[in-house]
Structure formats: C-alpha cells, structure tokens
C-alpha cells in the first residue's frame, strides 16, 4: 500500500488505487449535474473526499512496522507467517 487513506465511510484504501479508479472510470452524473465517485468497497459517494485526500498516518506507521519485520518468525519451534500488507 503506497499511501493509505481512510475514506469518509471508514474504508482504508491506497490512494493510487482510488486515483486510478477515478481516472479510468466515468463518474456518474446526478440530476444536479454533480459528478459522483463511489467508494471501491461500498456505495458511498467519495467525490468530495477525492478533491483533497489525506494520508492516514497511523495506518502508514503500522504498515511500515510490518514491512520492517522479517517475513517468518520462529516461535516455540513453529514457523509463523506475519501478515505483510
């Protein structure tokens, strides 16, 4: 995940995925002539959010801490795989 953002509907997505989706997908136009862009995870309109998205710093720190850890950790003789985002 490059730059994690949290949408107003509380979904965590990568900003590059949102940007790619919004540029390659024709936004629907409502009767009021406002362009709408739906969240990739639900039907919430996030077009206003996409005008000025902000990085979720706490999620960025969490992702970085997981990426710095080794992929496999030996614990009590068993191999455990860590979740790498």
C-alpha atoms as a PDB file:
ATOM      1  CA  UNK A   1       0.000   0.000   0.000  1.00  0.00           C
ATOM      2  CA  UNK A   2       1.643   3.197  -1.169  1.00  0.00           C
ATOM      3  CA  UNK A   3      -0.263   5.964   0.573  1.00  0.00           C
ATOM      4  CA  UNK A   4      -3.095   4.695   2.772  1.00  0.00           C
ATOM      5  CA  UNK A   5      -6.170   6.877   3.108  1.00  0.00           C
ATOM      6  CA  UNK A   6      -9.347   6.383   5.080  1.00  0.00           C
ATOM      7  CA  UNK A   7     -12.499   7.384   3.259  1.00  0.00           C
ATOM      8  CA  UNK A   8     -15.403   9.137   4.994  1.00  0.00           C
ATOM      9  CA  UNK A   9     -17.171   5.758   5.030  1.00  0.00           C
ATOM     10  CA  UNK A  10     -14.238   4.350   7.087  1.00  0.00           C
ATOM     11  CA  UNK A  11     -12.661   2.168   4.390  1.00  0.00           C
ATOM     12  CA  UNK A  12      -8.870   2.054   4.136  1.00  0.00           C
ATOM     13  CA  UNK A  13      -7.628   2.176   0.579  1.00  0.00           C
ATOM     14  CA  UNK A  14      -4.491   3.024  -1.336  1.00  0.00           C
ATOM     15  CA  UNK A  15      -4.590   6.493  -2.875  1.00  0.00           C
ATOM     16  CA  UNK A  16      -3.117   5.225  -6.130  1.00  0.00           C
ATOM     17  CA  UNK A  17      -5.968   2.692  -6.426  1.00  0.00           C
ATOM     18  CA  UNK A  18      -8.533   5.436  -5.856  1.00  0.00           C
ATOM     19  CA  UNK A  19      -6.843   7.750  -8.329  1.00  0.00           C
ATOM     20  CA  UNK A  20      -6.589   5.015 -10.946  1.00  0.00           C
ATOM     21  CA  UNK A  21     -10.229   4.050 -10.475  1.00  0.00           C
ATOM     22  CA  UNK A  22     -11.474   7.627 -10.666  1.00  0.00           C
ATOM     23  CA  UNK A  23      -9.437   8.429 -13.791  1.00  0.00           C
ATOM     24  CA  UNK A  24     -10.376   5.243 -15.677  1.00  0.00           C
ATOM     25  CA  UNK A  25     -13.998   5.081 -14.655  1.00  0.00           C
ATOM     26  CA  UNK A  26     -16.590   7.506 -15.923  1.00  0.00           C
ATOM     27  CA  UNK A  27     -18.129   9.196 -12.934  1.00  0.00           C
ATOM     28  CA  UNK A  28     -21.888   9.158 -12.784  1.00  0.00           C
ATOM     29  CA  UNK A  29     -23.622  12.479 -13.098  1.00  0.00           C
ATOM     30  CA  UNK A  30     -26.624  13.059 -10.873  1.00  0.00           C
ATOM     31  CA  UNK A  31     -29.573  15.211 -11.833  1.00  0.00           C
ATOM     32  CA  UNK A  32     -27.920  18.141 -10.089  1.00  0.00           C
ATOM     33  CA  UNK A  33     -25.009  17.745 -12.562  1.00  0.00           C
ATOM     34  CA  UNK A  34     -22.595  16.808  -9.792  1.00  0.00           C
ATOM     35  CA  UNK A  35     -20.021  14.142 -10.627  1.00  0.00           C
ATOM     36  CA  UNK A  36     -20.062  11.242  -8.200  1.00  0.00           C
ATOM     37  CA  UNK A  37     -17.444   8.630  -7.461  1.00  0.00           C
ATOM     38  CA  UNK A  38     -18.359   5.643  -5.329  1.00  0.00           C
ATOM     39  CA  UNK A  39     -16.073   4.078  -2.748  1.00  0.00           C
ATOM     40  CA  UNK A  40     -14.430   0.898  -4.012  1.00  0.00           C
ATOM     41  CA  UNK A  41     -15.801  -1.009  -1.001  1.00  0.00           C
ATOM     42  CA  UNK A  42     -19.331   0.382  -0.736  1.00  0.00           C
ATOM     43  CA  UNK A  43     -21.749   2.747  -2.450  1.00  0.00           C
ATOM     44  CA  UNK A  44     -20.836   5.940  -0.590  1.00  0.00           C
ATOM     45  CA  UNK A  45     -20.083   8.963  -2.759  1.00  0.00           C
ATOM     46  CA  UNK A  46     -16.448   9.987  -2.143  1.00  0.00           C
ATOM     47  CA  UNK A  47     -16.080  12.578  -4.898  1.00  0.00           C
ATOM     48  CA  UNK A  48     -15.630  15.453  -2.419  1.00  0.00           C
ATOM     49  CA  UNK A  49     -13.079  13.406  -0.471  1.00  0.00           C
ATOM     50  CA  UNK A  50     -11.043  12.789  -3.639  1.00  0.00           C
ATOM     51  CA  UNK A  51     -10.593  16.523  -4.126  1.00  0.00           C
ATOM     52  CA  UNK A  52      -8.302  16.642  -1.069  1.00  0.00           C
ATOM     53  CA  UNK A  53      -7.476  13.143   0.241  1.00  0.00           C
ATOM     54  CA  UNK A  54      -5.237  12.936   3.291  1.00  0.00           C
ATOM     55  CA  UNK A  55      -2.870  10.138   4.224  1.00  0.00           C
ATOM     56  CA  UNK A  56      -3.775   8.051   7.268  1.00  0.00           C
ATOM     57  CA  UNK A  57      -0.541   8.476   9.234  1.00  0.00           C
ATOM     58  CA  UNK A  58      -1.372   5.876  11.897  1.00  0.00           C
ATOM     59  CA  UNK A  59      -2.012   3.243   9.242  1.00  0.00           C
ATOM     60  CA  UNK A  60       1.209   4.252   7.436  1.00  0.00           C
ATOM     61  CA  UNK A  61       3.218   3.688  10.662  1.00  0.00           C
ATOM     62  CA  UNK A  62       1.569   0.290  11.166  1.00  0.00           C
ATOM     63  CA  UNK A  63       2.311  -0.784   7.582  1.00  0.00           C
ATOM     64  CA  UNK A  64       5.923   0.365   7.880  1.00  0.00           C
ATOM     65  CA  UNK A  65       6.400  -1.571  11.121  1.00  0.00           C
ATOM     66  CA  UNK A  66       5.110  -4.774   9.481  1.00  0.00           C
ATOM     67  CA  UNK A  67       7.303  -4.276   6.424  1.00  0.00           C
ATOM     68  CA  UNK A  68      10.433  -3.910   8.564  1.00  0.00           C
ATOM     69  CA  UNK A  69       9.836  -7.241  10.316  1.00  0.00           C
ATOM     70  CA  UNK A  70      11.141 -10.486   8.817  1.00  0.00           C
ATOM     71  CA  UNK A  71       8.587 -12.458   6.804  1.00  0.00           C
ATOM     72  CA  UNK A  72       8.863 -15.555   9.029  1.00  0.00           C
ATOM     73  CA  UNK A  73       9.372 -15.720  12.767  1.00  0.00           C
ATOM     74  CA  UNK A  74      10.349 -18.881  14.685  1.00  0.00           C
ATOM     75  CA  UNK A  75       8.309 -19.179  17.879  1.00  0.00           C
ATOM     76  CA  UNK A  76       8.397 -22.276  20.114  1.00  0.00           C
ATOM     77  CA  UNK A  77       9.617 -24.423  17.239  1.00  0.00           C
ATOM     78  CA  UNK A  78       6.784 -23.437  14.936  1.00  0.00           C
ATOM     79  CA  UNK A  79       7.034 -21.217  11.890  1.00  0.00           C
ATOM     80  CA  UNK A  80       4.595 -18.323  11.934  1.00  0.00           C
ATOM     81  CA  UNK A  81       3.924 -16.163   8.905  1.00  0.00           C
ATOM     82  CA  UNK A  82       3.341 -12.483   9.544  1.00  0.00           C
ATOM     83  CA  UNK A  83       0.765 -10.508   7.686  1.00  0.00           C
ATOM     84  CA  UNK A  84       2.561  -8.270   5.216  1.00  0.00           C
ATOM     85  CA  UNK A  85       0.330  -5.541   3.837  1.00  0.00           C
END
